[in-house]
Amino acid sequence: MKGILLKIKELWFKFAFLLGDFISSVLLTLFYYLIFGIFALPYRIIKNDFASGEATNWTAKGKWGDDLGSIKKEF
């Protein structure tokens, strides 16, 4: 009787570990897509505002002179 119960216990543990691996991968996949989906939807809605390129604060720098004075006035 004890041998049969030990076999059932071993099979139950194997099943539980397989089920745990499956459930954890499913939950992590759902968690991944839900979290990134929450952040991706607003970004996709307003991404045209970011990518328009019309207004920018970029300023092109001119060439430095060959003298030491222009290097000292770097900033």
Protein backbone atom coordinates (compact mmCIF):
# COMPACT_ATOMS: atom_id res chain seq x y z
CA MET A 1 0.00 0.00 0.00
CA LYS A 2 2.83 2.38 0.88
CA GLY A 3 4.52 1.78 -2.49
CA ILE A 4 1.36 2.62 -4.41
CA LEU A 5 0.84 5.84 -2.47
CA LEU A 6 4.48 6.87 -3.07
CA LYS A 7 4.03 6.26 -6.80
CA ILE A 8 0.83 8.36 -6.82
CA LYS A 9 2.64 11.09 -4.89
CA GLU A 10 5.54 11.11 -7.37
CA LEU A 11 3.15 11.29 -10.32
CA TRP A 12 1.21 14.08 -8.63
CA PHE A 13 4.41 16.08 -8.03
CA LYS A 14 5.48 15.64 -11.66
CA PHE A 15 2.06 16.78 -12.83
CA ALA A 16 2.14 19.75 -10.44
CA PHE A 17 5.57 20.86 -11.66
CA LEU A 18 4.50 20.59 -15.32
CA LEU A 19 1.29 22.47 -14.59
CA GLY A 20 3.23 25.13 -12.65
CA ASP A 21 5.65 25.66 -15.53
CA PHE A 22 2.79 25.97 -18.00
CA ILE A 23 0.74 28.34 -15.85
CA SER A 24 3.74 30.54 -15.04
CA SER A 25 4.66 30.90 -18.71
CA VAL A 26 1.06 31.76 -19.61
CA LEU A 27 0.80 34.30 -16.79
CA LEU A 28 4.13 35.91 -17.65
CA THR A 29 3.14 36.16 -21.31
CA LEU A 30 -0.18 37.79 -20.42
CA PHE A 31 1.56 40.13 -17.98
CA TYR A 32 4.12 41.12 -20.64
CA TYR A 33 1.54 41.95 -23.31
CA LEU A 34 -0.81 43.71 -20.90
CA ILE A 35 1.89 45.96 -19.45
CA PHE A 36 3.42 46.84 -22.80
CA GLY A 37 -0.03 47.18 -24.35
CA ILE A 38 -1.03 49.73 -21.73
CA PHE A 39 1.99 51.86 -22.59
CA ALA A 40 1.92 51.20 -26.34
CA LEU A 41 -1.64 52.34 -27.05
CA PRO A 42 -1.25 55.95 -25.84
CA TYR A 43 2.13 56.15 -27.55
CA ARG A 44 0.66 55.02 -30.87
CA ILE A 45 -2.12 57.56 -30.54
CA ILE A 46 0.21 60.51 -29.95
CA LYS A 47 3.37 59.33 -31.74
CA ASN A 48 2.73 61.63 -34.70
CA ASP A 49 3.23 64.58 -32.37
CA PHE A 50 6.66 63.26 -31.42
CA ALA A 51 7.77 62.25 -34.92
CA SER A 52 6.57 65.29 -36.84
CA GLY A 53 9.99 66.95 -36.72
CA GLU A 54 8.59 70.45 -37.18
CA ALA A 55 9.55 72.02 -33.86
CA THR A 56 13.03 71.28 -32.60
CA ASN A 57 15.53 72.80 -30.23
CA TRP A 58 18.50 71.57 -32.22
CA THR A 59 21.04 74.21 -33.17
CA ALA A 60 23.89 73.53 -35.53
CA LYS A 61 27.33 74.56 -34.29
CA GLY A 62 29.69 76.44 -36.54
CA LYS A 63 33.27 75.42 -37.20
CA TRP A 64 35.89 76.27 -34.63
CA GLY A 65 38.61 78.65 -35.50
CA ASP A 66 42.26 77.73 -35.54
CA ASP A 67 43.19 80.03 -32.68
CA LEU A 68 43.23 79.17 -28.97
CA GLY A 69 40.68 81.88 -28.11
CA SER A 70 37.83 80.15 -29.93
CA ILE A 71 38.58 76.92 -28.10
CA LYS A 72 38.45 78.64 -24.70
CA LYS A 73 35.00 80.04 -25.56
CA GLU A 74 33.61 76.57 -26.20
CA PHE A 75 30.53 77.05 -24.01
